[in-house]
Amino acid sequence: MNQQKIIITINRECGSGGGEIARLLGQKLGIKVYDRTILKSIAEQYNMTVESMDRVKAKNPHWWDDICNFYQQFGSFQTGEKLTSEVTPMALYSAEERLLREVAEKESCIIIGRVGFHIFQENPNALNLLIIADRDARINRIATKQNLTPKEAAKVVDRIDKERNTFVKHVADVSRFDAHNYDCVLNVTGMTPEKVVSFLEDYIRLKKTV
């Protein structure tokens, strides 16, 4: 499956297994998968760690301060000057957006998160997917994966979902759970990642020639 260039964006609920599904799908289709590690190249520009940048993205700063900081920082980022003010979610989003668009111009790719569904919503080569699962299944997955109690896992699920919701709303002014943002919304409860990937392969073939 390697004829027409395609961009697959995968948004996912915490604990749904969306990341694993994306990586397996990338292996099946023979295309690269881009996730939060794409932040590393941006982090070097800001002299920050990926973890500290994630914390910035979870913020919801006052809109006027954010806009002022964004224009100051984005101009500095473009010219390679050292940043001196606080890094904002909008500045990080704009840097990520620019990198992802550059990647998508060159090759087929799968993008995990990064508000990809919004960045490529007008791109005819894009398929935007949302992976969800029942809450209990998500909690159980996180508890097993991180060796947590169900109560601890529930807090992780709620925190990460809230952070992702806040960031998407802040930079795109949409709900990430609005089905109109996606070509397909898939509840994977009870399905193994392999079965989900098999389903998605068929779905992609129907929608696109990869």
Protein backbone atom coordinates (compact mmCIF):
# COMPACT_ATOMS: atom_id res chain seq x y z
CA MET A 1 0.00 0.00 0.00
CA ASN A 2 2.28 2.75 -1.16
CA GLN A 3 0.93 4.70 -4.11
CA GLN A 4 -0.77 7.89 -2.99
CA LYS A 5 0.56 10.04 -0.18
CA ILE A 6 -1.67 9.96 2.89
CA ILE A 7 -1.79 11.72 6.24
CA ILE A 8 -3.49 9.85 9.08
CA THR A 9 -4.12 11.76 12.28
CA ILE A 10 -5.08 9.80 15.37
CA ASN A 11 -6.56 11.58 18.34
CA ARG A 12 -7.27 9.35 21.33
CA GLU A 13 -8.62 9.18 24.82
CA CYS A 14 -6.11 8.42 27.56
CA GLY A 15 -5.99 4.67 28.11
CA SER A 16 -7.72 3.79 24.83
CA GLY A 17 -4.56 2.30 23.35
CA GLY A 18 -4.57 4.82 20.52
CA GLY A 19 -0.80 5.22 20.59
CA GLU A 20 -0.16 1.49 20.27
CA ILE A 21 -2.76 1.25 17.52
CA ALA A 22 -1.08 4.08 15.62
CA ARG A 23 2.35 2.45 15.81
CA LEU A 24 1.03 -0.94 14.70
CA LEU A 25 -0.83 0.72 11.84
CA GLY A 26 2.35 2.48 10.79
CA GLN A 27 4.16 -0.87 10.65
CA LYS A 28 1.38 -2.41 8.57
CA LEU A 29 1.25 0.48 6.11
CA GLY A 30 5.00 1.00 6.04
CA ILE A 31 4.83 4.69 6.94
CA LYS A 32 6.41 6.71 9.74
CA VAL A 33 4.58 7.56 12.96
CA TYR A 34 5.06 10.94 14.63
CA ASP A 35 4.09 11.43 18.28
CA ARG A 36 5.25 13.61 21.17
CA THR A 37 8.88 12.88 20.29
CA ILE A 38 8.53 15.47 17.54
CA LEU A 39 8.73 17.95 20.42
CA LYS A 40 12.41 17.12 20.87
CA SER A 41 13.46 19.20 17.88
CA ILE A 42 11.33 22.09 19.13
CA ALA A 43 12.58 21.66 22.71
CA GLU A 44 16.13 22.28 21.52
CA GLN A 45 15.06 25.67 20.19
CA TYR A 46 13.47 26.60 23.51
CA ASN A 47 16.17 25.06 25.73
CA MET A 48 13.49 22.98 27.44
CA THR A 49 12.74 19.32 28.04
CA VAL A 50 9.84 17.55 26.34
CA GLU A 51 8.24 17.07 29.76
CA SER A 52 8.40 20.78 30.60
CA MET A 53 6.91 21.61 27.21
CA ASP A 54 4.03 19.24 27.88
CA ARG A 55 3.38 21.09 31.13
CA VAL A 56 3.27 24.39 29.22
CA LYS A 57 0.74 22.91 26.81
CA ALA A 58 -1.51 21.91 29.71
CA LYS A 59 -1.81 25.53 30.81
CA ASN A 60 -4.72 27.82 30.00
CA PRO A 61 -3.18 31.31 30.29
CA HIS A 62 -5.06 34.54 30.00
CA TRP A 63 -5.80 35.02 26.32
CA TRP A 64 -4.29 38.51 25.98
CA ASP A 65 -1.00 37.59 27.67
CA ASP A 66 -0.84 34.48 25.52
CA ILE A 67 -1.35 36.38 22.28
CA CYS A 68 1.26 39.00 23.21
CA ASN A 69 3.81 36.36 24.20
CA PHE A 70 3.03 34.30 21.11
CA TYR A 71 3.80 37.06 18.65
CA GLN A 72 6.96 38.00 20.49
CA GLN A 73 8.18 34.41 20.67
CA PHE A 74 7.11 33.26 17.23
CA GLY A 75 9.02 36.12 15.65
CA SER A 76 12.09 35.18 17.68
CA PHE A 77 11.69 31.51 16.79
CA GLN A 78 11.57 32.34 13.08
CA THR A 79 14.81 34.35 13.22
CA GLY A 80 16.65 32.00 15.58
CA GLU A 81 16.98 34.57 18.36
CA LYS A 82 17.05 33.38 21.95
CA LEU A 83 13.70 33.49 23.71
CA THR A 84 13.53 35.48 26.89
CA SER A 85 9.85 35.44 27.90
CA GLU A 86 7.63 32.61 29.05
CA VAL A 87 6.87 29.98 26.43
CA THR A 88 3.13 29.73 25.74
CA PRO A 89 0.89 26.92 24.46
CA MET A 90 0.19 28.90 21.28
CA ALA A 91 3.89 29.27 20.52
CA LEU A 92 4.45 25.54 20.93
CA TYR A 93 1.41 24.70 18.83
CA SER A 94 2.58 26.96 16.00
CA ALA A 95 6.06 25.42 16.04
CA GLU A 96 4.58 21.90 16.00
CA GLU A 97 2.16 22.81 13.24
CA ARG A 98 4.97 24.11 11.04
CA LEU A 99 7.06 20.97 11.53
CA LEU A 100 4.13 18.63 10.86
CA ARG A 101 3.16 20.43 7.68
CA GLU A 102 6.76 20.14 6.48
CA VAL A 103 6.73 16.40 7.20
CA ALA A 104 3.39 15.88 5.44
CA GLU A 105 4.65 17.70 2.35
CA LYS A 106 7.43 15.15 1.96
CA GLU A 107 5.93 11.79 2.91
CA SER A 108 2.96 9.75 4.07
CA CYS A 109 2.73 9.76 7.85
CA ILE A 110 0.67 8.94 10.91
CA ILE A 111 0.40 11.69 13.52
CA ILE A 112 -0.57 10.85 17.08
CA GLY A 113 -2.28 13.76 18.81
CA ARG A 114 -0.61 17.16 18.21
CA VAL A 115 -4.06 18.54 17.22
CA GLY A 116 -3.39 16.92 13.85
CA PHE A 117 -7.09 16.70 12.99
CA HIS A 118 -7.25 20.50 13.11
CA ILE A 119 -3.96 21.15 11.31
CA PHE A 120 -4.93 18.95 8.35
CA GLN A 121 -8.70 19.41 8.33
CA GLU A 122 -8.63 20.96 4.84
CA ASN A 123 -6.02 18.60 3.40
CA PRO A 124 -7.55 16.22 0.83
CA ASN A 125 -4.92 13.57 1.63
CA ALA A 126 -5.80 13.46 5.33
CA LEU A 127 -7.87 10.94 7.26
CA ASN A 128 -8.68 12.08 10.78
CA LEU A 129 -9.46 9.38 13.34
CA LEU A 130 -10.59 9.47 16.96
CA ILE A 131 -9.97 6.39 19.14
CA ILE A 132 -12.11 6.13 22.27
CA ALA A 133 -12.95 3.41 24.80
CA ASP A 134 -15.22 2.88 27.78
CA ARG A 135 -13.97 4.56 30.95
CA ASP A 136 -13.53 1.31 32.93
CA ALA A 137 -11.48 -0.20 30.12
CA ARG A 138 -9.26 2.87 29.97
CA ILE A 139 -8.72 2.86 33.72
CA ASN A 140 -7.87 -0.84 33.71
CA ARG A 141 -5.38 -0.37 30.89
CA ILE A 142 -3.58 2.50 32.64
CA ALA A 143 -3.59 0.61 35.96
CA THR A 144 -1.96 -2.41 34.32
CA LYS A 145 0.47 -0.40 32.21
CA GLN A 146 1.67 1.85 35.03
CA ASN A 147 1.21 -0.60 37.94
CA LEU A 148 -1.37 1.61 39.66
CA THR A 149 -4.49 1.00 41.69
CA PRO A 150 -7.79 1.65 39.87
CA LYS A 151 -8.25 4.82 41.92
CA GLU A 152 -4.79 6.09 40.99
CA ALA A 153 -5.31 5.17 37.35
CA ALA A 154 -8.63 7.03 37.27
CA LYS A 155 -6.84 10.18 38.43
CA VAL A 156 -4.26 9.78 35.66
CA VAL A 157 -6.96 9.30 33.03
CA ASP A 158 -8.90 12.34 34.21
CA ARG A 159 -5.81 14.53 34.44
CA ILE A 160 -4.46 13.69 30.99
CA ASP A 161 -7.88 13.96 29.34
CA LYS A 162 -8.38 17.36 30.95
CA GLU A 163 -4.95 18.58 29.82
CA ARG A 164 -5.58 17.45 26.25
CA ASN A 165 -9.05 18.97 26.22
CA THR A 166 -7.70 22.27 27.52
CA PHE A 167 -4.94 22.45 24.95
CA VAL A 168 -7.16 21.61 21.96
CA LYS A 169 -9.83 24.08 23.05
CA HIS A 170 -7.20 26.75 23.62
CA VAL A 171 -5.37 26.52 20.29
CA ALA A 172 -8.15 25.30 17.96
CA ASP A 173 -11.28 26.61 19.72
CA VAL A 174 -13.08 23.30 19.13
CA SER A 175 -13.96 20.29 21.23
CA ARG A 176 -11.75 17.33 20.44
CA PHE A 177 -14.79 15.09 20.98
CA ASP A 178 -16.87 16.73 18.25
CA ALA A 179 -17.39 13.90 15.74
CA HIS A 180 -17.51 16.43 12.90
CA ASN A 181 -13.74 16.87 13.33
CA TYR A 182 -13.10 13.31 12.16
CA ASP A 183 -13.63 10.91 9.30
CA CYS A 184 -14.07 8.04 11.77
CA VAL A 185 -14.73 7.77 15.51
CA LEU A 186 -14.03 4.27 16.77
CA ASN A 187 -14.83 2.80 20.20
CA VAL A 188 -12.25 0.04 20.61
CA THR A 189 -13.56 -1.46 23.87
CA GLY A 190 -13.21 -5.24 23.69
CA MET A 191 -10.98 -5.13 20.61
CA THR A 192 -7.29 -5.99 20.57
CA PRO A 193 -4.96 -3.44 18.94
CA GLU A 194 -4.36 -5.99 16.16
CA LYS A 195 -8.08 -6.25 15.40
CA VAL A 196 -8.43 -2.48 15.40
CA VAL A 197 -5.53 -2.16 12.95
CA SER A 198 -7.07 -4.81 10.68
CA PHE A 199 -10.33 -2.84 10.67
CA LEU A 200 -8.52 0.42 9.96
CA GLU A 201 -6.55 -1.11 7.09
CA ASP A 202 -9.82 -2.03 5.39
CA TYR A 203 -11.32 1.38 6.19
CA ILE A 204 -8.33 3.21 4.74
CA ARG A 205 -8.43 1.11 1.58
CA LEU A 206 -12.07 2.10 1.11
CA LYS A 207 -11.30 5.77 1.65
CA LYS A 208 -7.86 6.16 0.10
CA THR A 209 -5.33 4.38 -2.07
CA VAL A 210 -2.22 4.23 0.10
